[in-house]
N, C-alpha and C. Protein backbone atom coordinates (compact mmCIF):
# COMPACT_ATOMS: atom_id res chain seq x y z
N MET A 1 162.13 11.21 78.17
CA MET A 1 161.52 12.49 78.33
C MET A 1 162.21 13.44 77.35
N ALA A 2 163.45 13.43 77.15
CA ALA A 2 164.22 14.41 76.30
C ALA A 2 163.77 14.27 74.95
N HIS A 3 163.44 13.11 74.41
CA HIS A 3 163.04 12.84 73.15
C HIS A 3 161.59 13.40 72.90
N GLU A 4 160.79 13.44 73.90
CA GLU A 4 159.41 13.98 73.78
C GLU A 4 159.50 15.61 73.74
N ILE A 5 160.43 16.08 74.32
CA ILE A 5 160.68 17.54 74.29
C ILE A 5 161.17 17.91 72.91
N ALA A 6 162.15 17.17 72.42
CA ALA A 6 162.79 17.38 71.11
C ALA A 6 161.67 17.34 70.05
N LYS A 7 160.81 16.33 70.21
CA LYS A 7 159.69 16.12 69.14
C LYS A 7 158.81 17.32 69.27
N LEU A 8 158.47 17.90 70.41
CA LEU A 8 157.67 19.01 70.46
C LEU A 8 158.30 20.25 69.84
N LEU A 9 159.64 20.48 70.05
CA LEU A 9 160.28 21.48 69.46
C LEU A 9 160.30 21.46 67.90
N LEU A 10 160.51 20.15 67.40
CA LEU A 10 160.55 19.89 65.94
C LEU A 10 159.20 20.06 65.43
N GLU A 11 158.10 19.72 66.09
CA GLU A 11 156.78 19.75 65.49
C GLU A 11 156.35 21.17 65.47
N HIS A 12 156.78 22.00 66.34
CA HIS A 12 156.31 23.40 66.25
C HIS A 12 157.22 24.31 65.55
N ALA A 13 158.27 23.80 64.91
CA ALA A 13 159.16 24.69 64.18
C ALA A 13 158.57 24.87 62.85
N ASP A 14 158.02 26.14 62.51
CA ASP A 14 157.29 26.25 61.27
C ASP A 14 158.11 27.07 60.25
N THR A 15 159.17 27.51 60.53
CA THR A 15 160.08 28.30 59.58
C THR A 15 161.45 27.62 59.52
N PHE A 16 162.15 27.90 58.41
CA PHE A 16 163.47 27.33 58.25
C PHE A 16 164.34 27.57 59.47
N LEU A 17 164.43 28.76 59.97
CA LEU A 17 165.30 29.13 61.16
C LEU A 17 164.83 28.41 62.33
N LYS A 18 163.57 28.38 62.64
CA LYS A 18 163.02 27.63 63.69
C LYS A 18 163.36 26.08 63.67
N ARG A 19 163.17 25.67 62.49
CA ARG A 19 163.51 24.20 62.28
C ARG A 19 164.93 23.92 62.56
N THR A 20 165.82 24.77 62.04
CA THR A 20 167.22 24.61 62.25
C THR A 20 167.63 24.65 63.73
N GLU A 21 167.03 25.58 64.48
CA GLU A 21 167.27 25.61 65.86
C GLU A 21 166.68 24.39 66.66
N ALA A 22 165.57 23.92 66.13
CA ALA A 22 164.86 22.85 66.83
C ALA A 22 165.79 21.56 66.50
N ILE A 23 166.33 21.38 65.36
CA ILE A 23 167.25 20.29 65.07
C ILE A 23 168.43 20.34 65.99
N LYS A 24 169.01 21.42 66.11
CA LYS A 24 170.24 21.65 67.05
C LYS A 24 169.78 21.28 68.43
N SER A 25 168.70 21.65 68.95
CA SER A 25 168.24 21.39 70.18
C SER A 25 167.92 19.95 70.45
N ALA A 26 167.32 19.29 69.37
CA ALA A 26 167.02 17.87 69.51
C ALA A 26 168.36 17.12 69.52
N LEU A 27 169.30 17.45 68.76
CA LEU A 27 170.67 16.84 68.84
C LEU A 27 171.32 16.91 70.20
N ALA A 28 171.15 18.21 70.78
CA ALA A 28 171.76 18.42 72.11
C ALA A 28 171.02 17.69 73.11
N LEU A 29 169.68 17.35 72.92
CA LEU A 29 168.98 16.52 73.87
C LEU A 29 169.22 15.08 73.73
N GLY A 30 170.03 14.64 72.81
CA GLY A 30 170.45 13.31 72.64
C GLY A 30 169.63 12.47 71.55
N MET A 31 168.81 13.17 70.72
CA MET A 31 168.02 12.46 69.79
C MET A 31 168.88 12.25 68.58
N PRO A 32 168.92 10.98 68.15
CA PRO A 32 169.85 10.63 66.96
C PRO A 32 169.28 11.31 65.64
N LEU A 33 170.05 11.66 64.78
CA LEU A 33 169.79 12.34 63.55
C LEU A 33 168.79 11.55 62.72
N ASN A 34 169.00 10.23 62.61
CA ASN A 34 168.05 9.49 61.73
C ASN A 34 166.65 9.58 62.37
N GLU A 35 166.49 9.59 63.70
CA GLU A 35 165.15 9.89 64.27
C GLU A 35 164.53 11.19 63.90
N ILE A 36 165.45 12.14 64.10
CA ILE A 36 165.08 13.60 63.83
C ILE A 36 164.55 13.64 62.35
N GLU A 37 165.20 12.99 61.45
CA GLU A 37 164.80 13.01 59.97
C GLU A 37 163.45 12.28 59.72
N GLU A 38 163.35 11.16 60.44
CA GLU A 38 162.11 10.39 60.37
C GLU A 38 160.94 11.23 60.93
N TYR A 39 161.18 11.81 61.99
CA TYR A 39 160.03 12.56 62.67
C TYR A 39 159.66 13.81 61.80
N LEU A 40 160.72 14.42 61.28
CA LEU A 40 160.33 15.67 60.36
C LEU A 40 159.67 15.23 59.16
N ASP A 41 160.01 14.01 58.63
CA ASP A 41 159.29 13.58 57.42
C ASP A 41 157.87 13.26 57.73
N TRP A 42 157.61 12.69 58.96
CA TRP A 42 156.19 12.41 59.44
C TRP A 42 155.44 13.75 59.57
N VAL A 43 156.07 14.81 60.29
CA VAL A 43 155.48 15.99 60.40
C VAL A 43 155.13 16.64 59.18
N ASP A 44 155.99 16.63 58.22
CA ASP A 44 155.73 17.27 56.83
C ASP A 44 154.46 16.43 56.11
N LEU A 45 154.50 15.14 56.29
CA LEU A 45 153.42 14.37 55.74
C LEU A 45 152.04 14.70 56.33
N ILE A 46 151.96 14.93 57.57
CA ILE A 46 150.75 15.27 58.31
C ILE A 46 150.35 16.63 57.94
N ARG A 47 151.31 17.56 57.79
CA ARG A 47 151.03 18.95 57.43
C ARG A 47 150.34 19.04 56.09
N ARG A 48 150.82 18.14 55.22
CA ARG A 48 150.28 18.12 53.87
C ARG A 48 148.91 17.49 53.60
N GLN A 49 148.38 17.02 54.63
CA GLN A 49 147.12 16.35 54.64
C GLN A 49 146.11 17.08 55.46
N PRO A 50 145.54 18.21 54.88
CA PRO A 50 144.79 19.12 55.76
C PRO A 50 143.45 18.53 56.12
N ASN A 51 142.96 17.72 55.22
CA ASN A 51 141.51 17.09 55.48
C ASN A 51 141.62 16.01 56.47
N ARG A 52 142.80 15.48 56.89
CA ARG A 52 142.92 14.35 57.74
C ARG A 52 142.96 14.92 59.21
N PRO A 53 142.33 14.38 60.14
CA PRO A 53 142.42 14.71 61.57
C PRO A 53 143.76 14.59 62.07
N GLN A 54 144.13 15.44 62.97
CA GLN A 54 145.41 15.44 63.66
C GLN A 54 145.71 14.06 64.33
N GLN A 55 146.83 13.52 64.11
CA GLN A 55 147.10 12.29 64.66
C GLN A 55 148.00 12.56 65.89
N SER A 56 147.71 11.87 66.98
CA SER A 56 148.58 11.97 68.17
C SER A 56 149.62 10.97 68.20
N GLU A 57 149.55 9.93 67.29
CA GLU A 57 150.50 8.85 67.23
C GLU A 57 151.82 9.35 66.72
N ASP A 58 152.92 8.93 67.40
CA ASP A 58 154.30 9.21 66.94
C ASP A 58 154.78 8.12 66.08
N PRO A 59 155.29 8.44 64.85
CA PRO A 59 155.72 7.40 63.99
C PRO A 59 156.82 6.58 64.34
N LEU A 60 157.59 6.99 65.39
CA LEU A 60 158.74 6.24 65.86
C LEU A 60 158.23 5.28 66.98
N SER A 61 157.08 5.36 67.41
CA SER A 61 156.66 4.54 68.59
C SER A 61 155.73 3.40 68.15
N LYS A 62 155.23 3.43 66.90
CA LYS A 62 154.27 2.47 66.49
C LYS A 62 154.44 2.20 65.07
N LYS A 63 154.40 0.86 64.66
CA LYS A 63 154.49 0.45 63.44
C LYS A 63 153.32 0.67 62.58
N PRO A 64 153.45 0.93 61.29
CA PRO A 64 152.16 1.17 60.44
C PRO A 64 151.41 -0.13 60.33
N PRO A 65 150.00 -0.04 60.18
CA PRO A 65 149.23 -1.22 60.10
C PRO A 65 149.78 -2.05 58.79
N GLU A 66 149.42 -3.34 58.80
CA GLU A 66 149.75 -4.15 57.73
C GLU A 66 149.22 -3.71 56.48
N SER A 67 148.01 -3.05 56.45
CA SER A 67 147.34 -2.58 55.26
C SER A 67 148.12 -1.50 54.57
N GLN A 68 148.92 -0.85 55.25
CA GLN A 68 149.57 0.35 54.65
C GLN A 68 151.05 -0.05 54.35
N MET A 69 151.35 -1.18 54.44
CA MET A 69 152.86 -1.56 54.17
C MET A 69 153.04 -1.96 52.76
N GLY A 70 152.60 -1.32 51.78
CA GLY A 70 152.89 -1.58 50.33
C GLY A 70 152.31 -2.70 49.83
N SER A 71 151.03 -2.91 49.96
CA SER A 71 150.26 -4.00 49.32
C SER A 71 150.12 -3.49 47.84
N THR A 72 150.41 -4.37 46.92
CA THR A 72 150.30 -4.13 45.55
C THR A 72 149.48 -5.12 44.85
């Protein structure tokens, strides 16, 4: 439950100062730094894709589909 709260804080932090405080709070709630980084990367990716509908999937709870795993 603490990680879900931390993710909400991180997701809604829209300024540098809010993000800094959200990171501190997430760490205090026991979320590992590497998970915080991965989640913020995912949030940034979603925010850069305005034409894409909002995803409710958490990147840390689900693996990407096989088709998105670097097929060349």
